[in-house]
Amino acid sequence: MAVVVTADIIGSRRLLDRGDAQSALDAAIAQVERDLPVAVEGMRPTVGDEQQAVYPTLEAALGTILLLRLALPDGVEFRYGIGVGEVGTVPSTASDRGISDGPGWWAARSAIEQVETLQRRTAPQARTWVVAHESTDEVSPDAVRWANAYLLSRDELVGAMSERTRRLAYGRCLSRTQSELAASEGITQSAVSQALSSSGAGSVVEGFRLLELT
């Protein structure tokens, strides 16, 4: 079993400078993968505006996606489909490594489609969803439901944060002190504390810690 992520850029055709946006994405991905090196295969571009990655556990995928959301600047966003299921490689003369395929990737694509539906209908701030392929029994249906309930609330909180508050939450996820964050932002510690408490970032940080990745 694998936990895979398919991510695509929201509104890529409306971006004023696609190259600048890609540079911001690449920088954020590199930062997260340095700070939380849990991926089996790190997030890399595939085709068009899509990225893919492979993780050892659902918790690792959830934690990485959170940090990536917090690290990205305003105006550049992904939607994320997390798929749970087997993956394999299809031989191809066009690639020495072959083509990665299988139920995990199909589930991730289904999850992306679910996020798009949620954004249009009931949850505009939804960015992340989990789907376990019917062929896997290593993650229970209850675990998937609980993860999605958590993600809906988490995405709502993160989606309402300013870019600075996201940076502060990122730092707290990595156990940086409020004093350190205040110094890096050029603000007072009380301003850091107020920003974290008024935005609900404290709950997001505690949720990250419960994933037990660091």
C-alpha atoms as a PDB file:
ATOM      1  CA  MET A   1       0.000   0.000   0.000  1.00  0.00           C
ATOM      2  CA  ALA A   2       1.099   3.566  -0.693  1.00  0.00           C
ATOM      3  CA  VAL A   3      -0.237   6.989   0.157  1.00  0.00           C
ATOM      4  CA  VAL A   4       0.100   9.206  -2.887  1.00  0.00           C
ATOM      5  CA  VAL A   5      -0.708  12.836  -3.534  1.00  0.00           C
ATOM      6  CA  THR A   6      -1.744  14.526  -6.728  1.00  0.00           C
ATOM      7  CA  ALA A   7      -1.719  18.318  -6.508  1.00  0.00           C
ATOM      8  CA  ASP A   8      -2.722  20.853  -9.111  1.00  0.00           C
ATOM      9  CA  ILE A   9      -2.435  24.612  -9.169  1.00  0.00           C
ATOM     10  CA  ILE A  10      -5.713  26.432  -8.660  1.00  0.00           C
ATOM     11  CA  GLY A  11      -6.423  28.930 -11.430  1.00  0.00           C
ATOM     12  CA  SER A  12      -3.137  28.323 -13.226  1.00  0.00           C
ATOM     13  CA  ARG A  13      -4.462  29.888 -16.441  1.00  0.00           C
ATOM     14  CA  ARG A  14      -5.351  33.103 -14.588  1.00  0.00           C
ATOM     15  CA  LEU A  15      -1.878  33.600 -13.116  1.00  0.00           C
ATOM     16  CA  LEU A  16      -0.199  36.757 -14.377  1.00  0.00           C
ATOM     17  CA  ASP A  17       3.198  35.058 -14.535  1.00  0.00           C
ATOM     18  CA  ARG A  18       3.130  31.259 -14.605  1.00  0.00           C
ATOM     19  CA  GLY A  19       6.939  31.109 -14.374  1.00  0.00           C
ATOM     20  CA  ASP A  20       7.039  33.177 -11.190  1.00  0.00           C
ATOM     21  CA  ALA A  21       4.285  31.049  -9.695  1.00  0.00           C
ATOM     22  CA  GLN A  22       6.215  27.868 -10.487  1.00  0.00           C
ATOM     23  CA  SER A  23       9.329  29.323  -8.875  1.00  0.00           C
ATOM     24  CA  ALA A  24       7.331  30.080  -5.720  1.00  0.00           C
ATOM     25  CA  LEU A  25       5.958  26.535  -5.721  1.00  0.00           C
ATOM     26  CA  ASP A  26       9.394  25.014  -6.205  1.00  0.00           C
ATOM     27  CA  ALA A  27      10.834  27.105  -3.362  1.00  0.00           C
ATOM     28  CA  ALA A  28       8.001  26.201  -0.981  1.00  0.00           C
ATOM     29  CA  ILE A  29       8.254  22.496  -1.811  1.00  0.00           C
ATOM     30  CA  ALA A  30      12.037  22.526  -1.272  1.00  0.00           C
ATOM     31  CA  GLN A  31      11.621  24.298   2.072  1.00  0.00           C
ATOM     32  CA  VAL A  32       9.003  21.836   3.314  1.00  0.00           C
ATOM     33  CA  GLU A  33      10.991  18.811   2.210  1.00  0.00           C
ATOM     34  CA  ARG A  34      14.041  20.124   4.080  1.00  0.00           C
ATOM     35  CA  ASP A  35      12.051  20.822   7.230  1.00  0.00           C
ATOM     36  CA  LEU A  36       9.969  17.626   7.117  1.00  0.00           C
ATOM     37  CA  PRO A  37      11.860  14.930   5.168  1.00  0.00           C
ATOM     38  CA  VAL A  38       9.199  12.225   5.285  1.00  0.00           C
ATOM     39  CA  ALA A  39       8.389  11.629   1.609  1.00  0.00           C
ATOM     40  CA  VAL A  40       9.205   8.374  -0.149  1.00  0.00           C
ATOM     41  CA  GLU A  41       9.213  10.338  -3.396  1.00  0.00           C
ATOM     42  CA  GLY A  42       9.123  14.119  -3.035  1.00  0.00           C
ATOM     43  CA  MET A  43       6.630  16.318  -4.821  1.00  0.00           C
ATOM     44  CA  ARG A  44       7.669  16.910  -8.417  1.00  0.00           C
ATOM     45  CA  PRO A  45       5.997  18.274 -11.559  1.00  0.00           C
ATOM     46  CA  THR A  46       4.467  15.735 -13.921  1.00  0.00           C
ATOM     47  CA  VAL A  47       2.585  17.473 -16.712  1.00  0.00           C
ATOM     48  CA  GLY A  48       0.960  20.880 -17.063  1.00  0.00           C
ATOM     49  CA  ASP A  49       0.126  22.297 -13.639  1.00  0.00           C
ATOM     50  CA  GLU A  50       0.188  18.979 -11.769  1.00  0.00           C
ATOM     51  CA  GLN A  51       2.581  17.646  -9.125  1.00  0.00           C
ATOM     52  CA  GLN A  52       2.808  14.182  -7.569  1.00  0.00           C
ATOM     53  CA  ALA A  53       4.408  12.668  -4.465  1.00  0.00           C
ATOM     54  CA  VAL A  54       4.455   9.413  -2.497  1.00  0.00           C
ATOM     55  CA  TYR A  55       4.401   9.111   1.310  1.00  0.00           C
ATOM     56  CA  PRO A  56       4.795   6.183   3.705  1.00  0.00           C
ATOM     57  CA  THR A  57       1.709   7.008   5.792  1.00  0.00           C
ATOM     58  CA  LEU A  58      -1.433   9.099   5.708  1.00  0.00           C
ATOM     59  CA  GLU A  59      -0.063  11.178   8.585  1.00  0.00           C
ATOM     60  CA  ALA A  60       3.071  12.037   6.587  1.00  0.00           C
ATOM     61  CA  ALA A  61       0.970  13.205   3.649  1.00  0.00           C
ATOM     62  CA  LEU A  62      -1.333  15.277   5.869  1.00  0.00           C
ATOM     63  CA  GLY A  63       1.586  16.955   7.637  1.00  0.00           C
ATOM     64  CA  THR A  64       3.470  17.759   4.446  1.00  0.00           C
ATOM     65  CA  ILE A  65       0.421  19.251   2.778  1.00  0.00           C
ATOM     66  CA  LEU A  66      -0.250  21.461   5.787  1.00  0.00           C
ATOM     67  CA  LEU A  67       3.294  22.840   5.796  1.00  0.00           C
ATOM     68  CA  LEU A  68       3.140  23.416   2.055  1.00  0.00           C
ATOM     69  CA  ARG A  69      -0.108  25.350   2.381  1.00  0.00           C
ATOM     70  CA  LEU A  70       1.441  27.482   5.110  1.00  0.00           C
ATOM     71  CA  ALA A  71       4.645  28.065   3.117  1.00  0.00           C
ATOM     72  CA  LEU A  72       3.044  29.212  -0.133  1.00  0.00           C
ATOM     73  CA  PRO A  73       2.672  32.973  -0.760  1.00  0.00           C
ATOM     74  CA  ASP A  74      -0.638  34.687  -1.391  1.00  0.00           C
ATOM     75  CA  GLY A  75      -2.034  34.059  -4.861  1.00  0.00           C
ATOM     76  CA  VAL A  76      -0.482  30.614  -5.380  1.00  0.00           C
ATOM     77  CA  GLU A  77      -2.498  27.618  -4.220  1.00  0.00           C
ATOM     78  CA  PHE A  78      -2.840  23.906  -4.834  1.00  0.00           C
ATOM     79  CA  ARG A  79      -5.736  21.568  -4.419  1.00  0.00           C
ATOM     80  CA  TYR A  80      -4.609  18.171  -3.120  1.00  0.00           C
ATOM     81  CA  GLY A  81      -5.966  14.693  -3.713  1.00  0.00           C
ATOM     82  CA  ILE A  82      -4.642  12.029  -1.344  1.00  0.00           C
ATOM     83  CA  GLY A  83      -5.019   8.470  -2.602  1.00  0.00           C
ATOM     84  CA  VAL A  84      -4.550   5.311  -0.572  1.00  0.00           C
ATOM     85  CA  GLY A  85      -3.899   2.112  -2.521  1.00  0.00           C
ATOM     86  CA  GLU A  86      -1.366   0.055  -4.372  1.00  0.00           C
ATOM     87  CA  VAL A  87       0.883   1.663  -6.977  1.00  0.00           C
ATOM     88  CA  GLY A  88       3.077   0.029  -9.541  1.00  0.00           C
ATOM     89  CA  THR A  89       5.153   0.823 -12.586  1.00  0.00           C
ATOM     90  CA  VAL A  90       4.120   0.335 -16.192  1.00  0.00           C
ATOM     91  CA  PRO A  91       7.142  -0.262 -18.463  1.00  0.00           C
ATOM     92  CA  SER A  92       7.641   2.422 -21.093  1.00  0.00           C
ATOM     93  CA  THR A  93      10.292   2.955 -23.752  1.00  0.00           C
ATOM     94  CA  ALA A  94       9.858   6.699 -23.170  1.00  0.00           C
ATOM     95  CA  SER A  95      11.090   6.513 -19.561  1.00  0.00           C
ATOM     96  CA  ASP A  96      13.859   4.539 -17.906  1.00  0.00           C
ATOM     97  CA  ARG A  97      11.808   4.487 -14.685  1.00  0.00           C
ATOM     98  CA  GLY A  98       8.556   3.523 -16.368  1.00  0.00           C
ATOM     99  CA  ILE A  99       5.198   5.132 -15.627  1.00  0.00           C
ATOM    100  CA  SER A 100       3.801   5.048 -12.095  1.00  0.00           C
ATOM    101  CA  ASP A 101       0.201   3.866 -12.097  1.00  0.00           C
ATOM    102  CA  GLY A 102      -2.304   1.924 -10.037  1.00  0.00           C
ATOM    103  CA  PRO A 103      -5.266   2.193  -7.662  1.00  0.00           C
ATOM    104  CA  GLY A 104      -3.526   4.709  -5.385  1.00  0.00           C
ATOM    105  CA  TRP A 105      -3.228   7.204  -8.230  1.00  0.00           C
ATOM    106  CA  TRP A 106      -6.812   6.568  -9.352  1.00  0.00           C
ATOM    107  CA  ALA A 107      -7.982   7.299  -5.808  1.00  0.00           C
ATOM    108  CA  ALA A 108      -5.932  10.522  -5.706  1.00  0.00           C
ATOM    109  CA  ARG A 109      -7.551  11.707  -8.932  1.00  0.00           C
ATOM    110  CA  SER A 110     -10.977  10.933  -7.497  1.00  0.00           C
ATOM    111  CA  ALA A 111     -10.045  12.955  -4.396  1.00  0.00           C
ATOM    112  CA  ILE A 112      -9.059  15.959  -6.545  1.00  0.00           C
ATOM    113  CA  GLU A 113     -12.448  15.801  -8.247  1.00  0.00           C
ATOM    114  CA  GLN A 114     -14.155  15.713  -4.846  1.00  0.00           C
ATOM    115  CA  VAL A 115     -12.273  18.847  -3.753  1.00  0.00           C
ATOM    116  CA  GLU A 116     -13.404  20.650  -6.904  1.00  0.00           C
ATOM    117  CA  THR A 117     -17.017  19.677  -6.188  1.00  0.00           C
ATOM    118  CA  LEU A 118     -16.779  20.842  -2.573  1.00  0.00           C
ATOM    119  CA  GLN A 119     -15.302  24.185  -3.647  1.00  0.00           C
ATOM    120  CA  ARG A 120     -18.185  24.810  -6.036  1.00  0.00           C
ATOM    121  CA  ARG A 121     -20.997  23.705  -3.741  1.00  0.00           C
ATOM    122  CA  THR A 122     -20.558  23.772   0.028  1.00  0.00           C
ATOM    123  CA  ALA A 123     -16.967  24.457   1.092  1.00  0.00           C
ATOM    124  CA  PRO A 124     -15.192  27.136  -0.975  1.00  0.00           C
ATOM    125  CA  GLN A 125     -12.091  26.888   1.231  1.00  0.00           C
ATOM    126  CA  ALA A 126     -11.721  23.116   0.760  1.00  0.00           C
ATOM    127  CA  ARG A 127      -8.325  22.230  -0.640  1.00  0.00           C
ATOM    128  CA  THR A 128      -7.615  18.641   0.451  1.00  0.00           C
ATOM    129  CA  TRP A 129      -9.434  15.287   0.379  1.00  0.00           C
ATOM    130  CA  VAL A 130      -8.618  11.631   1.018  1.00  0.00           C
ATOM    131  CA  VAL A 131      -9.924   8.653  -0.931  1.00  0.00           C
ATOM    132  CA  ALA A 132      -8.960   5.038  -0.198  1.00  0.00           C
ATOM    133  CA  HIS A 133      -9.333   2.734  -3.173  1.00  0.00           C
ATOM    134  CA  GLU A 134     -11.795  -0.093  -2.608  1.00  0.00           C
ATOM    135  CA  SER A 135      -9.018  -2.648  -3.099  1.00  0.00           C
ATOM    136  CA  THR A 136      -7.146  -1.606   0.054  1.00  0.00           C
ATOM    137  CA  ASP A 137      -8.065  -2.472   3.623  1.00  0.00           C
ATOM    138  CA  GLU A 138      -4.980  -1.043   5.365  1.00  0.00           C
ATOM    139  CA  VAL A 139      -6.727   2.259   6.105  1.00  0.00           C
ATOM    140  CA  SER A 140     -10.244   1.871   7.461  1.00  0.00           C
ATOM    141  CA  PRO A 141     -13.241   3.781   6.070  1.00  0.00           C
ATOM    142  CA  ASP A 142     -13.619   5.381   9.507  1.00  0.00           C
ATOM    143  CA  ALA A 143     -10.038   6.677   9.385  1.00  0.00           C
ATOM    144  CA  VAL A 144     -10.697   8.228   5.975  1.00  0.00           C
ATOM    145  CA  ARG A 145     -13.884   9.905   7.209  1.00  0.00           C
ATOM    146  CA  TRP A 146     -12.110  11.280  10.288  1.00  0.00           C
ATOM    147  CA  ALA A 147      -9.251  12.570   8.160  1.00  0.00           C
ATOM    148  CA  ASN A 148     -11.639  14.361   5.800  1.00  0.00           C
ATOM    149  CA  ALA A 149     -13.598  15.897   8.675  1.00  0.00           C
ATOM    150  CA  TYR A 150     -10.290  17.192  10.079  1.00  0.00           C
ATOM    151  CA  LEU A 151      -9.201  18.499   6.678  1.00  0.00           C
ATOM    152  CA  LEU A 152     -12.390  20.477   6.091  1.00  0.00           C
ATOM    153  CA  SER A 153     -11.906  22.354   9.350  1.00  0.00           C
ATOM    154  CA  ARG A 154      -8.148  22.766   8.844  1.00  0.00           C
ATOM    155  CA  ASP A 155      -8.555  24.121   5.338  1.00  0.00           C
ATOM    156  CA  GLU A 156     -11.158  26.619   6.514  1.00  0.00           C
ATOM    157  CA  LEU A 157      -8.755  28.002   9.133  1.00  0.00           C
ATOM    158  CA  VAL A 158      -5.705  28.098   6.866  1.00  0.00           C
ATOM    159  CA  GLY A 159      -7.686  29.648   4.020  1.00  0.00           C
ATOM    160  CA  ALA A 160      -8.610  32.624   6.205  1.00  0.00           C
ATOM    161  CA  MET A 161      -5.037  33.326   7.377  1.00  0.00           C
ATOM    162  CA  SER A 162      -2.869  36.153   6.098  1.00  0.00           C
ATOM    163  CA  GLU A 163       0.477  35.301   4.527  1.00  0.00           C
ATOM    164  CA  ARG A 164       2.281  36.446   7.683  1.00  0.00           C
ATOM    165  CA  THR A 165       0.050  34.360   9.953  1.00  0.00           C
ATOM    166  CA  ARG A 166       0.727  31.317   7.793  1.00  0.00           C
ATOM    167  CA  ARG A 167       4.464  31.899   8.226  1.00  0.00           C
ATOM    168  CA  LEU A 168       4.011  32.162  11.983  1.00  0.00           C
ATOM    169  CA  ALA A 169       1.953  28.955  12.081  1.00  0.00           C
ATOM    170  CA  TYR A 170       4.609  27.208   9.980  1.00  0.00           C
ATOM    171  CA  GLY A 171       7.261  28.214  12.468  1.00  0.00           C
ATOM    172  CA  ARG A 172       5.215  27.040  15.438  1.00  0.00           C
ATOM    173  CA  CYS A 173       4.631  23.669  13.736  1.00  0.00           C
ATOM    174  CA  LEU A 174       8.410  23.308  13.735  1.00  0.00           C
ATOM    175  CA  SER A 175       8.587  24.328  17.415  1.00  0.00           C
ATOM    176  CA  ARG A 176      10.128  27.735  16.817  1.00  0.00           C
ATOM    177  CA  THR A 177       9.485  30.036  19.755  1.00  0.00           C
ATOM    178  CA  GLN A 178       7.300  33.101  19.559  1.00  0.00           C
ATOM    179  CA  SER A 179      10.363  35.221  20.357  1.00  0.00           C
ATOM    180  CA  GLU A 180      12.240  33.737  17.393  1.00  0.00           C
ATOM    181  CA  LEU A 181       9.283  34.327  15.105  1.00  0.00           C
ATOM    182  CA  ALA A 182       8.868  37.896  16.314  1.00  0.00           C
ATOM    183  CA  ALA A 183      12.510  38.624  15.545  1.00  0.00           C
ATOM    184  CA  SER A 184      12.277  37.125  12.055  1.00  0.00           C
ATOM    185  CA  GLU A 185       9.135  39.148  11.257  1.00  0.00           C
ATOM    186  CA  GLY A 186      10.286  42.377  12.908  1.00  0.00           C
ATOM    187  CA  ILE A 187       7.277  42.521  15.227  1.00  0.00           C
ATOM    188  CA  THR A 188       6.696  42.101  18.954  1.00  0.00           C
ATOM    189  CA  GLN A 189       6.108  38.777  20.658  1.00  0.00           C
ATOM    190  CA  SER A 190       2.671  39.980  21.754  1.00  0.00           C
ATOM    191  CA  ALA A 191       1.799  40.634  18.097  1.00  0.00           C
ATOM    192  CA  VAL A 192       2.831  37.056  17.267  1.00  0.00           C
ATOM    193  CA  SER A 193       0.700  35.700  20.092  1.00  0.00           C
ATOM    194  CA  GLN A 194      -2.302  37.771  19.033  1.00  0.00           C
ATOM    195  CA  ALA A 195      -2.019  36.734  15.389  1.00  0.00           C
ATOM    196  CA  LEU A 196      -1.836  33.048  16.292  1.00  0.00           C
ATOM    197  CA  SER A 197      -4.727  33.128  18.744  1.00  0.00           C
ATOM    198  CA  SER A 198      -7.109  35.282  16.687  1.00  0.00           C
ATOM    199  CA  SER A 199      -6.650  33.196  13.532  1.00  0.00           C
ATOM    200  CA  GLY A 200      -7.114  29.770  15.088  1.00  0.00           C
ATOM    201  CA  ALA A 201      -3.529  28.924  14.165  1.00  0.00           C
ATOM    202  CA  GLY A 202      -2.979  27.406  17.591  1.00  0.00           C
ATOM    203  CA  SER A 203      -5.488  24.671  16.788  1.00  0.00           C
ATOM    204  CA  VAL A 204      -3.839  24.039  13.425  1.00  0.00           C
ATOM    205  CA  VAL A 205      -0.442  23.724  15.116  1.00  0.00           C
ATOM    206  CA  GLU A 206      -1.779  21.343  17.771  1.00  0.00           C
ATOM    207  CA  GLY A 207      -3.362  19.234  15.031  1.00  0.00           C
ATOM    208  CA  PHE A 208      -0.007  19.047  13.276  1.00  0.00           C
ATOM    209  CA  ARG A 209       1.692  17.911  16.468  1.00  0.00           C
ATOM    210  CA  LEU A 210      -0.858  15.158  16.946  1.00  0.00           C
ATOM    211  CA  LEU A 211       0.344  13.660  13.650  1.00  0.00           C
ATOM    212  CA  GLU A 212       3.632  12.938  15.522  1.00  0.00           C
ATOM    213  CA  LEU A 213       5.951  13.615  12.586  1.00  0.00           C
ATOM    214  CA  THR A 214       8.631  15.642  14.374  1.00  0.00           C
END
